[in-house]
């Protein structure tokens, strides 16, 4: 899944991200160049990216993660674009099948790849 982009500070749950935002706002202002660079960096390094609810399918509103309860971290919109478990299982060239082939290869050549024999 791709990282979030163009997140509002209200959507950020990472404590370090919130603290850094407050410090930059205090020292440089909300419309400063430092703040713009902060949000660019946050799109790359935020811990929230690894905490998003897992998208099982492309169903609205929560991609099969839950039906009734809004997750504490917003869903990644990429689930609507076919980046979800259901779509992966239908695409033989997906990341899922690439890993499956890699693990089968590793299992078959375990002596060389794992033990170096």
PDB file of N, CA and C in Angstrom:
ATOM      1  N   UNK A   1       0.853  -1.176   0.000  1.00  0.00           N
ATOM      2  CA  UNK A   1       0.000   0.000   0.000  1.00  0.00           C
ATOM      3  C   UNK A   1       0.898   1.237   0.000  1.00  0.00           C
ATOM      4  N   UNK A   2       0.490   2.248  -0.720  1.00  0.00           N
ATOM      5  CA  UNK A   2       1.270   3.486  -0.695  1.00  0.00           C
ATOM      6  C   UNK A   2       1.031   4.249   0.600  1.00  0.00           C
ATOM      7  N   UNK A   3       1.978   5.111   0.928  1.00  0.00           N
ATOM      8  CA  UNK A   3       1.826   5.965   2.099  1.00  0.00           C
ATOM      9  C   UNK A   3       0.728   6.996   1.858  1.00  0.00           C
ATOM     10  N   UNK A   4       0.202   7.523   2.953  1.00  0.00           N
ATOM     11  CA  UNK A   4      -0.765   8.614   2.875  1.00  0.00           C
ATOM     12  C   UNK A   4      -0.087   9.855   2.297  1.00  0.00           C
ATOM     13  N   UNK A   5      -0.845  10.636   1.603  1.00  0.00           N
ATOM     14  CA  UNK A   5      -0.368  11.931   1.129  1.00  0.00           C
ATOM     15  C   UNK A   5      -1.435  12.968   1.444  1.00  0.00           C
ATOM     16  N   UNK A   6      -0.995  14.198   1.628  1.00  0.00           N
ATOM     17  CA  UNK A   6      -1.910  15.324   1.850  1.00  0.00           C
ATOM     18  C   UNK A   6      -2.829  15.118   3.052  1.00  0.00           C
ATOM     19  N   UNK A   7      -2.274  14.615   4.131  1.00  0.00           N
ATOM     20  CA  UNK A   7      -3.058  14.428   5.352  1.00  0.00           C
ATOM     21  C   UNK A   7      -3.149  15.742   6.119  1.00  0.00           C
ATOM     22  N   UNK A   8      -4.282  15.955   6.726  1.00  0.00           N
ATOM     23  CA  UNK A   8      -4.458  17.102   7.616  1.00  0.00           C
ATOM     24  C   UNK A   8      -3.930  16.707   8.993  1.00  0.00           C
ATOM     25  N   UNK A   9      -3.514  17.681   9.747  1.00  0.00           N
ATOM     26  CA  UNK A   9      -2.944  17.383  11.067  1.00  0.00           C
ATOM     27  C   UNK A   9      -3.966  16.673  11.952  1.00  0.00           C
ATOM     28  N   UNK A  10      -5.259  16.912  11.749  1.00  0.00           N
ATOM     29  CA  UNK A  10      -6.295  16.247  12.539  1.00  0.00           C
ATOM     30  C   UNK A  10      -6.336  14.745  12.263  1.00  0.00           C
ATOM     31  N   UNK A  11      -5.800  14.316  11.128  1.00  0.00           N
ATOM     32  CA  UNK A  11      -5.802  12.910  10.759  1.00  0.00           C
ATOM     33  C   UNK A  11      -4.569  12.164  11.282  1.00  0.00           C
ATOM     34  N   UNK A  12      -3.592  12.891  11.762  1.00  0.00           N
ATOM     35  CA  UNK A  12      -2.354  12.289  12.243  1.00  0.00           C
ATOM     36  C   UNK A  12      -2.561  11.792  13.672  1.00  0.00           C
ATOM     37  N   UNK A  13      -2.180  10.555  13.929  1.00  0.00           N
ATOM     38  CA  UNK A  13      -2.316   9.973  15.267  1.00  0.00           C
ATOM     39  C   UNK A  13      -0.957   9.752  15.934  1.00  0.00           C
ATOM     40  N   UNK A  14       0.104   9.772  15.156  1.00  0.00           N
ATOM     41  CA  UNK A  14       1.460   9.548  15.643  1.00  0.00           C
ATOM     42  C   UNK A  14       1.850  10.681  16.609  1.00  0.00           C
ATOM     43  N   UNK A  15       2.186  10.334  17.849  1.00  0.00           N
ATOM     44  CA  UNK A  15       2.520  11.335  18.866  1.00  0.00           C
ATOM     45  C   UNK A  15       3.709  12.187  18.446  1.00  0.00           C
ATOM     46  N   UNK A  16       4.720  11.562  17.861  1.00  0.00           N
ATOM     47  CA  UNK A  16       5.890  12.320  17.410  1.00  0.00           C
ATOM     48  C   UNK A  16       5.507  13.306  16.316  1.00  0.00           C
ATOM     49  N   UNK A  17       4.631  12.878  15.428  1.00  0.00           N
ATOM     50  CA  UNK A  17       4.182  13.758  14.358  1.00  0.00           C
ATOM     51  C   UNK A  17       3.407  14.951  14.882  1.00  0.00           C
ATOM     52  N   UNK A  18       2.556  14.721  15.840  1.00  0.00           N
ATOM     53  CA  UNK A  18       1.757  15.804  16.432  1.00  0.00           C
ATOM     54  C   UNK A  18       2.656  16.770  17.186  1.00  0.00           C
ATOM     55  N   UNK A  19       3.615  16.235  17.949  1.00  0.00           N
ATOM     56  CA  UNK A  19       4.540  17.088  18.707  1.00  0.00           C
ATOM     57  C   UNK A  19       5.408  17.930  17.779  1.00  0.00           C
ATOM     58  N   UNK A  20       5.906  17.330  16.710  1.00  0.00           N
ATOM     59  CA  UNK A  20       6.738  18.071  15.755  1.00  0.00           C
ATOM     60  C   UNK A  20       5.931  19.175  15.092  1.00  0.00           C
ATOM     61  N   UNK A  21       4.696  18.882  14.734  1.00  0.00           N
ATOM     62  CA  UNK A  21       3.819  19.882  14.140  1.00  0.00           C
ATOM     63  C   UNK A  21       3.665  21.079  15.087  1.00  0.00           C
ATOM     64  N   UNK A  22       3.392  20.796  16.352  1.00  0.00           N
ATOM     65  CA  UNK A  22       3.199  21.876  17.330  1.00  0.00           C
ATOM     66  C   UNK A  22       4.461  22.727  17.467  1.00  0.00           C
ATOM     67  N   UNK A  23       5.634  22.087  17.483  1.00  0.00           N
ATOM     68  CA  UNK A  23       6.890  22.823  17.625  1.00  0.00           C
ATOM     69  C   UNK A  23       7.169  23.693  16.398  1.00  0.00           C
ATOM     70  N   UNK A  24       6.931  23.160  15.219  1.00  0.00           N
ATOM     71  CA  UNK A  24       7.165  23.941  13.994  1.00  0.00           C
ATOM     72  C   UNK A  24       6.168  25.088  13.903  1.00  0.00           C
ATOM     73  N   UNK A  25       4.936  24.821  14.256  1.00  0.00           N
ATOM     74  CA  UNK A  25       3.915  25.879  14.244  1.00  0.00           C
ATOM     75  C   UNK A  25       4.310  26.998  15.209  1.00  0.00           C
ATOM     76  N   UNK A  26       4.764  26.618  16.402  1.00  0.00           N
ATOM     77  CA  UNK A  26       5.160  27.595  17.417  1.00  0.00           C
ATOM     78  C   UNK A  26       6.375  28.408  16.954  1.00  0.00           C
ATOM     79  N   UNK A  27       7.371  27.738  16.393  1.00  0.00           N
ATOM     80  CA  UNK A  27       8.633  28.406  16.062  1.00  0.00           C
ATOM     81  C   UNK A  27       8.653  29.086  14.694  1.00  0.00           C
ATOM     82  N   UNK A  28       7.860  28.577  13.744  1.00  0.00           N
ATOM     83  CA  UNK A  28       7.968  29.082  12.375  1.00  0.00           C
ATOM     84  C   UNK A  28       6.631  29.494  11.758  1.00  0.00           C
ATOM     85  N   UNK A  29       5.536  29.083  12.342  1.00  0.00           N
ATOM     86  CA  UNK A  29       4.224  29.444  11.813  1.00  0.00           C
ATOM     87  C   UNK A  29       3.627  28.346  10.957  1.00  0.00           C
ATOM     88  N   UNK A  30       2.303  28.370  10.895  1.00  0.00           N
ATOM     89  CA  UNK A  30       1.567  27.316  10.197  1.00  0.00           C
ATOM     90  C   UNK A  30       1.727  27.384   8.683  1.00  0.00           C
ATOM     91  N   UNK A  31       1.992  28.566   8.144  1.00  0.00           N
ATOM     92  CA  UNK A  31       2.124  28.725   6.699  1.00  0.00           C
ATOM     93  C   UNK A  31       3.580  28.867   6.260  1.00  0.00           C
ATOM     94  N   UNK A  32       4.504  28.430   7.085  1.00  0.00           N
ATOM     95  CA  UNK A  32       5.926  28.592   6.784  1.00  0.00           C
ATOM     96  C   UNK A  32       6.448  27.512   5.833  1.00  0.00           C
ATOM     97  N   UNK A  33       7.608  27.796   5.274  1.00  0.00           N
ATOM     98  CA  UNK A  33       8.299  26.824   4.422  1.00  0.00           C
ATOM     99  C   UNK A  33       8.684  25.582   5.243  1.00  0.00           C
ATOM    100  N   UNK A  34       9.058  25.780   6.498  1.00  0.00           N
ATOM    101  CA  UNK A  34       9.391  24.650   7.381  1.00  0.00           C
ATOM    102  C   UNK A  34       8.190  23.720   7.551  1.00  0.00           C
ATOM    103  N   UNK A  35       6.998  24.295   7.672  1.00  0.00           N
ATOM    104  CA  UNK A  35       5.797  23.479   7.827  1.00  0.00           C
ATOM    105  C   UNK A  35       5.507  22.702   6.545  1.00  0.00           C
ATOM    106  N   UNK A  36       5.696  23.328   5.407  1.00  0.00           N
ATOM    107  CA  UNK A  36       5.492  22.633   4.136  1.00  0.00           C
ATOM    108  C   UNK A  36       6.442  21.440   4.025  1.00  0.00           C
ATOM    109  N   UNK A  37       7.698  21.661   4.394  1.00  0.00           N
ATOM    110  CA  UNK A  37       8.681  20.567   4.349  1.00  0.00           C
ATOM    111  C   UNK A  37       8.361  19.489   5.375  1.00  0.00           C
ATOM    112  N   UNK A  38       7.836  19.907   6.512  1.00  0.00           N
ATOM    113  CA  UNK A  38       7.432  18.937   7.537  1.00  0.00           C
ATOM    114  C   UNK A  38       6.373  17.975   6.979  1.00  0.00           C
ATOM    115  N   UNK A  39       5.357  18.510   6.313  1.00  0.00           N
ATOM    116  CA  UNK A  39       4.304  17.644   5.772  1.00  0.00           C
ATOM    117  C   UNK A  39       4.823  16.750   4.649  1.00  0.00           C
ATOM    118  N   UNK A  40       5.782  17.232   3.874  1.00  0.00           N
ATOM    119  CA  UNK A  40       6.410  16.378   2.854  1.00  0.00           C
ATOM    120  C   UNK A  40       7.129  15.211   3.525  1.00  0.00           C
ATOM    121  N   UNK A  41       7.862  15.508   4.588  1.00  0.00           N
ATOM    122  CA  UNK A  41       8.582  14.458   5.317  1.00  0.00           C
ATOM    123  C   UNK A  41       7.612  13.509   6.008  1.00  0.00           C
ATOM    124  N   UNK A  42       6.562  14.040   6.576  1.00  0.00           N
ATOM    125  CA  UNK A  42       5.579  13.222   7.278  1.00  0.00           C
ATOM    126  C   UNK A  42       4.952  12.190   6.343  1.00  0.00           C
ATOM    127  N   UNK A  43       4.771  12.547   5.081  1.00  0.00           N
ATOM    128  CA  UNK A  43       4.211  11.608   4.098  1.00  0.00           C
ATOM    129  C   UNK A  43       5.142  10.417   3.885  1.00  0.00           C
ATOM    130  N   UNK A  44       6.410  10.569   4.248  1.00  0.00           N
ATOM    131  CA  UNK A  44       7.380   9.478   4.088  1.00  0.00           C
ATOM    132  C   UNK A  44       7.636   8.709   5.378  1.00  0.00           C
ATOM    133  N   UNK A  45       7.680   9.414   6.514  1.00  0.00           N
ATOM    134  CA  UNK A  45       8.190   8.787   7.733  1.00  0.00           C
ATOM    135  C   UNK A  45       7.167   8.561   8.848  1.00  0.00           C
ATOM    136  N   UNK A  46       5.964   9.006   8.686  1.00  0.00           N
ATOM    137  CA  UNK A  46       4.975   8.862   9.758  1.00  0.00           C
ATOM    138  C   UNK A  46       4.776   7.395  10.137  1.00  0.00           C
ATOM    139  N   UNK A  47       4.646   7.148  11.402  1.00  0.00           N
ATOM    140  CA  UNK A  47       4.368   5.795  11.879  1.00  0.00           C
ATOM    141  C   UNK A  47       2.931   5.378  11.566  1.00  0.00           C
ATOM    142  N   UNK A  48       2.080   6.338  11.266  1.00  0.00           N
ATOM    143  CA  UNK A  48       0.683   6.030  10.954  1.00  0.00           C
ATOM    144  C   UNK A  48       0.549   5.141   9.722  1.00  0.00           C
ATOM    145  N   UNK A  49       1.493   5.222   8.787  1.00  0.00           N
ATOM    146  CA  UNK A  49       1.404   4.424   7.564  1.00  0.00           C
ATOM    147  C   UNK A  49       1.337   2.927   7.872  1.00  0.00           C
ATOM    148  N   UNK A  50       2.068   2.499   8.864  1.00  0.00           N
ATOM    149  CA  UNK A  50       2.086   1.089   9.237  1.00  0.00           C
ATOM    150  C   UNK A  50       0.970   0.688  10.178  1.00  0.00           C
ATOM    151  N   UNK A  51       0.124   1.617  10.528  1.00  0.00           N
ATOM    152  CA  UNK A  51      -0.945   1.341  11.487  1.00  0.00           C
ATOM    153  C   UNK A  51      -2.335   1.411  10.869  1.00  0.00           C
ATOM    154  N   UNK A  52      -2.400   1.603   9.580  1.00  0.00           N
ATOM    155  CA  UNK A  52      -3.709   1.745   8.947  1.00  0.00           C
ATOM    156  C   UNK A  52      -4.468   0.427   8.992  1.00  0.00           C
ATOM    157  N   UNK A  53      -5.780   0.500   9.042  1.00  0.00           N
ATOM    158  CA  UNK A  53      -6.579  -0.725   9.007  1.00  0.00           C
ATOM    159  C   UNK A  53      -6.317  -1.501   7.713  1.00  0.00           C
ATOM    160  N   UNK A  54      -6.267  -2.815   7.819  1.00  0.00           N
ATOM    161  CA  UNK A  54      -5.977  -3.640   6.651  1.00  0.00           C
ATOM    162  C   UNK A  54      -7.179  -3.660   5.713  1.00  0.00           C
ATOM    163  N   UNK A  55      -6.968  -3.346   4.425  1.00  0.00           N
ATOM    164  CA  UNK A  55      -8.070  -3.352   3.459  1.00  0.00           C
ATOM    165  C   UNK A  55      -8.305  -4.747   2.888  1.00  0.00           C
ATOM    166  N   UNK A  56      -9.368  -5.376   3.273  1.00  0.00           N
ATOM    167  CA  UNK A  56      -9.692  -6.718   2.790  1.00  0.00           C
ATOM    168  C   UNK A  56     -10.313  -6.691   1.407  1.00  0.00           C
ATOM    169  N   UNK A  57     -11.034  -5.610   1.092  1.00  0.00           N
ATOM    170  CA  UNK A  57     -11.674  -5.486  -0.222  1.00  0.00           C
ATOM    171  C   UNK A  57     -11.850  -4.002  -0.538  1.00  0.00           C
ATOM    172  N   UNK A  58     -12.543  -3.691  -1.600  1.00  0.00           N
ATOM    173  CA  UNK A  58     -12.751  -2.300  -1.977  1.00  0.00           C
ATOM    174  C   UNK A  58     -14.078  -1.728  -1.517  1.00  0.00           C
ATOM    175  N   UNK A  59     -14.780  -2.442  -0.655  1.00  0.00           N
ATOM    176  CA  UNK A  59     -16.101  -1.997  -0.201  1.00  0.00           C
ATOM    177  C   UNK A  59     -16.013  -0.732   0.649  1.00  0.00           C
ATOM    178  N   UNK A  60     -16.993   0.115   0.467  1.00  0.00           N
ATOM    179  CA  UNK A  60     -17.098   1.338   1.267  1.00  0.00           C
ATOM    180  C   UNK A  60     -17.852   1.031   2.549  1.00  0.00           C
ATOM    181  N   UNK A  61     -17.633   1.700   3.616  1.00  0.00           N
ATOM    182  CA  UNK A  61     -16.655   2.766   3.737  1.00  0.00           C
ATOM    183  C   UNK A  61     -15.304   2.298   4.280  1.00  0.00           C
ATOM    184  N   UNK A  62     -15.197   1.075   4.809  1.00  0.00           N
ATOM    185  CA  UNK A  62     -13.983   0.682   5.520  1.00  0.00           C
ATOM    186  C   UNK A  62     -13.291  -0.546   4.943  1.00  0.00           C
ATOM    187  N   UNK A  63     -13.487  -0.813   3.672  1.00  0.00           N
ATOM    188  CA  UNK A  63     -12.748  -1.846   2.921  1.00  0.00           C
ATOM    189  C   UNK A  63     -12.768  -3.227   3.583  1.00  0.00           C
ATOM    190  N   UNK A  64     -13.890  -3.568   4.213  1.00  0.00           N
ATOM    191  CA  UNK A  64     -14.023  -4.886   4.820  1.00  0.00           C
ATOM    192  C   UNK A  64     -13.354  -5.015   6.171  1.00  0.00           C
ATOM    193  N   UNK A  65     -12.678  -3.965   6.637  1.00  0.00           N
ATOM    194  CA  UNK A  65     -12.029  -4.007   7.950  1.00  0.00           C
ATOM    195  C   UNK A  65     -13.066  -4.044   9.064  1.00  0.00           C
ATOM    196  N   UNK A  66     -14.117  -3.276   8.895  1.00  0.00           N
ATOM    197  CA  UNK A  66     -15.234  -3.227   9.827  1.00  0.00           C
ATOM    198  C   UNK A  66     -16.459  -2.745   9.057  1.00  0.00           C
ATOM    199  N   UNK A  67     -17.612  -3.051   9.553  1.00  0.00           N
ATOM    200  CA  UNK A  67     -18.833  -2.599   8.876  1.00  0.00           C
ATOM    201  C   UNK A  67     -19.440  -1.371   9.526  1.00  0.00           C
ATOM    202  N   UNK A  68     -19.392  -1.327  10.847  1.00  0.00           N
ATOM    203  CA  UNK A  68     -20.147  -0.316  11.566  1.00  0.00           C
ATOM    204  C   UNK A  68     -19.307   0.717  12.307  1.00  0.00           C
ATOM    205  N   UNK A  69     -18.097   0.362  12.665  1.00  0.00           N
ATOM    206  CA  UNK A  69     -17.297   1.218  13.531  1.00  0.00           C
ATOM    207  C   UNK A  69     -16.193   1.900  12.741  1.00  0.00           C
ATOM    208  N   UNK A  70     -16.086   3.218  12.856  1.00  0.00           N
ATOM    209  CA  UNK A  70     -15.033   3.953  12.166  1.00  0.00           C
ATOM    210  C   UNK A  70     -13.700   3.634  12.839  1.00  0.00           C
ATOM    211  N   UNK A  71     -12.703   3.190  12.069  1.00  0.00           N
ATOM    212  CA  UNK A  71     -11.389   2.914  12.653  1.00  0.00           C
ATOM    213  C   UNK A  71     -10.755   4.187  13.219  1.00  0.00           C
ATOM    214  N   UNK A  72      -9.867   4.043  14.183  1.00  0.00           N
ATOM    215  CA  UNK A  72      -9.247   5.213  14.803  1.00  0.00           C
ATOM    216  C   UNK A  72      -8.292   5.924  13.850  1.00  0.00           C
ATOM    217  N   UNK A  73      -7.737   5.211  12.885  1.00  0.00           N
ATOM    218  CA  UNK A  73      -6.929   5.827  11.833  1.00  0.00           C
ATOM    219  C   UNK A  73      -7.690   5.665  10.529  1.00  0.00           C
ATOM    220  N   UNK A  74      -7.721   6.727   9.740  1.00  0.00           N
ATOM    221  CA  UNK A  74      -8.475   6.692   8.486  1.00  0.00           C
ATOM    222  C   UNK A  74      -7.953   5.607   7.552  1.00  0.00           C
ATOM    223  N   UNK A  75      -8.841   5.079   6.741  1.00  0.00           N
ATOM    224  CA  UNK A  75      -8.483   4.093   5.736  1.00  0.00           C
ATOM    225  C   UNK A  75      -7.613   4.749   4.665  1.00  0.00           C
ATOM    226  N   UNK A  76      -6.734   3.961   4.088  1.00  0.00           N
ATOM    227  CA  UNK A  76      -5.968   4.420   2.943  1.00  0.00           C
ATOM    228  C   UNK A  76      -6.879   4.318   1.718  1.00  0.00           C
ATOM    229  N   UNK A  77      -7.011   5.383   0.982  1.00  0.00           N
ATOM    230  CA  UNK A  77      -7.915   5.407  -0.175  1.00  0.00           C
ATOM    231  C   UNK A  77      -7.513   4.426  -1.269  1.00  0.00           C
ATOM    232  N   UNK A  78      -6.314   3.898  -1.213  1.00  0.00           N
ATOM    233  CA  UNK A  78      -5.843   2.988  -2.256  1.00  0.00           C
ATOM    234  C   UNK A  78      -6.656   1.696  -2.316  1.00  0.00           C
ATOM    235  N   UNK A  79      -7.384   1.369  -1.252  1.00  0.00           N
ATOM    236  CA  UNK A  79      -8.210   0.154  -1.275  1.00  0.00           C
ATOM    237  C   UNK A  79      -9.278   0.235  -2.360  1.00  0.00           C
ATOM    238  N   UNK A  80      -9.717   1.442  -2.660  1.00  0.00           N
ATOM    239  CA  UNK A  80     -10.710   1.642  -3.722  1.00  0.00           C
ATOM    240  C   UNK A  80     -10.110   1.437  -5.110  1.00  0.00           C
ATOM    241  N   UNK A  81      -8.780   1.593  -5.191  1.00  0.00           N
ATOM    242  CA  UNK A  81      -8.080   1.487  -6.475  1.00  0.00           C
ATOM    243  C   UNK A  81      -7.539   0.088  -6.721  1.00  0.00           C
ATOM    244  N   UNK A  82      -8.030  -0.882  -5.958  1.00  0.00           N
ATOM    245  CA  UNK A  82      -7.612  -2.259  -6.179  1.00  0.00           C
ATOM    246  C   UNK A  82      -6.424  -2.698  -5.352  1.00  0.00           C
ATOM    247  N   UNK A  83      -6.017  -1.898  -4.386  1.00  0.00           N
ATOM    248  CA  UNK A  83      -4.933  -2.304  -3.497  1.00  0.00           C
ATOM    249  C   UNK A  83      -5.582  -2.818  -2.216  1.00  0.00           C
ATOM    250  N   UNK A  84      -5.949  -4.099  -2.263  1.00  0.00           N
ATOM    251  CA  UNK A  84      -6.598  -4.754  -1.131  1.00  0.00           C
ATOM    252  C   UNK A  84      -6.427  -6.264  -1.290  1.00  0.00           C
ATOM    253  N   UNK A  85      -6.708  -7.008  -0.262  1.00  0.00           N
ATOM    254  CA  UNK A  85      -6.478  -8.459  -0.267  1.00  0.00           C
ATOM    255  C   UNK A  85      -7.280  -9.167  -1.355  1.00  0.00           C
ATOM    256  N   UNK A  86      -8.520  -8.809  -1.509  1.00  0.00           N
ATOM    257  CA  UNK A  86      -9.374  -9.465  -2.496  1.00  0.00           C
ATOM    258  C   UNK A  86      -8.803  -9.309  -3.913  1.00  0.00           C
ATOM    259  N   UNK A  87      -8.367  -8.111  -4.251  1.00  0.00           N
ATOM    260  CA  UNK A  87      -7.792  -7.861  -5.579  1.00  0.00           C
ATOM    261  C   UNK A  87      -6.460  -8.588  -5.754  1.00  0.00           C
ATOM    262  N   UNK A  88      -5.653  -8.634  -4.695  1.00  0.00           N
ATOM    263  CA  UNK A  88      -4.366  -9.333  -4.763  1.00  0.00           C
ATOM    264  C   UNK A  88      -4.546 -10.803  -5.100  1.00  0.00           C
ATOM    265  N   UNK A  89      -5.549 -11.430  -4.522  1.00  0.00           N
ATOM    266  CA  UNK A  89      -5.774 -12.861  -4.739  1.00  0.00           C
ATOM    267  C   UNK A  89      -6.297 -13.164  -6.142  1.00  0.00           C
ATOM    268  N   UNK A  90      -6.791 -12.148  -6.836  1.00  0.00           N
ATOM    269  CA  UNK A  90      -7.290 -12.331  -8.197  1.00  0.00           C
ATOM    270  C   UNK A  90      -6.220 -12.061  -9.256  1.00  0.00           C
ATOM    271  N   UNK A  91      -5.127 -11.425  -8.853  1.00  0.00           N
ATOM    272  CA  UNK A  91      -4.084 -11.004  -9.795  1.00  0.00           C
ATOM    273  C   UNK A  91      -2.838 -11.866  -9.612  1.00  0.00           C
ATOM    274  N   UNK A  92      -2.557 -12.726 -10.582  1.00  0.00           N
ATOM    275  CA  UNK A  92      -1.406 -13.646 -10.481  1.00  0.00           C
ATOM    276  C   UNK A  92      -0.065 -12.915 -10.503  1.00  0.00           C
ATOM    277  N   UNK A  93      -0.043 -11.622 -10.880  1.00  0.00           N
ATOM    278  CA  UNK A  93       1.186 -10.822 -10.870  1.00  0.00           C
ATOM    279  C   UNK A  93       1.262  -9.899  -9.659  1.00  0.00           C
ATOM    280  N   UNK A  94       0.428 -10.116  -8.668  1.00  0.00           N
ATOM    281  CA  UNK A  94       0.374  -9.236  -7.497  1.00  0.00           C
ATOM    282  C   UNK A  94       1.553  -9.481  -6.555  1.00  0.00           C
ATOM    283  N   UNK A  95       1.688  -8.589  -5.598  1.00  0.00           N
ATOM    284  CA  UNK A  95       2.723  -8.720  -4.571  1.00  0.00           C
ATOM    285  C   UNK A  95       2.526 -10.030  -3.797  1.00  0.00           C
ATOM    286  N   UNK A  96       1.286 -10.386  -3.514  1.00  0.00           N
ATOM    287  CA  UNK A  96       1.000 -11.629  -2.799  1.00  0.00           C
ATOM    288  C   UNK A  96       1.612 -12.820  -3.522  1.00  0.00           C
ATOM    289  N   UNK A  97       1.351 -12.936  -4.820  1.00  0.00           N
ATOM    290  CA  UNK A  97       1.854 -14.088  -5.569  1.00  0.00           C
ATOM    291  C   UNK A  97       3.361 -14.016  -5.787  1.00  0.00           C
ATOM    292  N   UNK A  98       3.923 -12.820  -5.860  1.00  0.00           N
ATOM    293  CA  UNK A  98       5.385 -12.688  -5.938  1.00  0.00           C
ATOM    294  C   UNK A  98       6.035 -13.260  -4.688  1.00  0.00           C
ATOM    295  N   UNK A  99       5.478 -12.919  -3.534  1.00  0.00           N
ATOM    296  CA  UNK A  99       6.001 -13.456  -2.280  1.00  0.00           C
ATOM    297  C   UNK A  99       5.786 -14.965  -2.190  1.00  0.00           C
ATOM    298  N   UNK A 100       4.653 -15.413  -2.642  1.00  0.00           N
ATOM    299  CA  UNK A 100       4.367 -16.848  -2.607  1.00  0.00           C
ATOM    300  C   UNK A 100       5.394 -17.611  -3.436  1.00  0.00           C
ATOM    301  N   UNK A 101       5.693 -17.106  -4.631  1.00  0.00           N
ATOM    302  CA  UNK A 101       6.707 -17.744  -5.488  1.00  0.00           C
ATOM    303  C   UNK A 101       8.089 -17.695  -4.839  1.00  0.00           C
ATOM    304  N   UNK A 102       8.408 -16.562  -4.241  1.00  0.00           N
ATOM    305  CA  UNK A 102       9.711 -16.417  -3.580  1.00  0.00           C
ATOM    306  C   UNK A 102       9.862 -17.407  -2.434  1.00  0.00           C
ATOM    307  N   UNK A 103       8.822 -17.566  -1.650  1.00  0.00           N
ATOM    308  CA  UNK A 103       8.878 -18.504  -0.526  1.00  0.00           C
ATOM    309  C   UNK A 103       8.942 -19.949  -1.003  1.00  0.00           C
ATOM    310  N   UNK A 104       8.246 -20.254  -2.094  1.00  0.00           N
ATOM    311  CA  UNK A 104       8.340 -21.608  -2.664  1.00  0.00           C
ATOM    312  C   UNK A 104       9.753 -21.877  -3.163  1.00  0.00           C
ATOM    313  N   UNK A 105      10.346 -20.902  -3.807  1.00  0.00           N
ATOM    314  CA  UNK A 105      11.718 -21.027  -4.300  1.00  0.00           C
ATOM    315  C   UNK A 105      12.683 -21.230  -3.137  1.00  0.00           C
ATOM    316  N   UNK A 106      12.507 -20.438  -2.082  1.00  0.00           N
ATOM    317  CA  UNK A 106      13.356 -20.555  -0.893  1.00  0.00           C
ATOM    318  C   UNK A 106      13.228 -21.945  -0.267  1.00  0.00           C
ATOM    319  N   UNK A 107      12.009 -22.442  -0.190  1.00  0.00           N
ATOM    320  CA  UNK A 107      11.774 -23.764   0.372  1.00  0.00           C
ATOM    321  C   UNK A 107      12.456 -24.847  -0.476  1.00  0.00           C
ATOM    322  N   UNK A 108      12.352 -24.697  -1.794  1.00  0.00           N
ATOM    323  CA  UNK A 108      12.923 -25.684  -2.706  1.00  0.00           C
ATOM    324  C   UNK A 108      14.454 -25.690  -2.654  1.00  0.00           C
ATOM    325  N   UNK A 109      15.056 -24.526  -2.499  1.00  0.00           N
ATOM    326  CA  UNK A 109      16.523 -24.407  -2.485  1.00  0.00           C
ATOM    327  C   UNK A 109      17.031 -23.960  -1.115  1.00  0.00           C
ATOM    328  N   UNK A 110      16.403 -24.479  -0.078  1.00  0.00           N
ATOM    329  CA  UNK A 110      16.711 -24.086   1.298  1.00  0.00           C
ATOM    330  C   UNK A 110      18.180 -24.309   1.651  1.00  0.00           C
ATOM    331  N   UNK A 111      18.739 -25.432   1.196  1.00  0.00           N
ATOM    332  CA  UNK A 111      20.130 -25.732   1.509  1.00  0.00           C
ATOM    333  C   UNK A 111      21.071 -24.638   1.048  1.00  0.00           C
ATOM    334  N   UNK A 112      20.829 -24.105  -0.120  1.00  0.00           N
ATOM    335  CA  UNK A 112      21.699 -23.053  -0.650  1.00  0.00           C
ATOM    336  C   UNK A 112      21.325 -21.677  -0.098  1.00  0.00           C
ATOM    337  N   UNK A 113      20.057 -21.349  -0.118  1.00  0.00           N
ATOM    338  CA  UNK A 113      19.607 -20.001   0.238  1.00  0.00           C
ATOM    339  C   UNK A 113      19.598 -19.733   1.746  1.00  0.00           C
ATOM    340  N   UNK A 114      19.360 -20.749   2.540  1.00  0.00           N
ATOM    341  CA  UNK A 114      19.289 -20.553   3.985  1.00  0.00           C
ATOM    342  C   UNK A 114      20.589 -20.968   4.658  1.00  0.00           C
ATOM    343  N   UNK A 115      21.077 -22.158   4.307  1.00  0.00           N
ATOM    344  CA  UNK A 115      22.238 -22.708   5.004  1.00  0.00           C
ATOM    345  C   UNK A 115      23.546 -22.535   4.241  1.00  0.00           C
ATOM    346  N   UNK A 116      23.490 -22.078   2.983  1.00  0.00           N
ATOM    347  CA  UNK A 116      24.693 -21.848   2.220  1.00  0.00           C
ATOM    348  C   UNK A 116      25.445 -23.113   1.839  1.00  0.00           C
ATOM    349  N   UNK A 117      24.752 -24.231   1.725  1.00  0.00           N
ATOM    350  CA  UNK A 117      25.397 -25.506   1.424  1.00  0.00           C
ATOM    351  C   UNK A 117      25.287 -25.840  -0.036  1.00  0.00           C
TER     352      UNK A 117
END
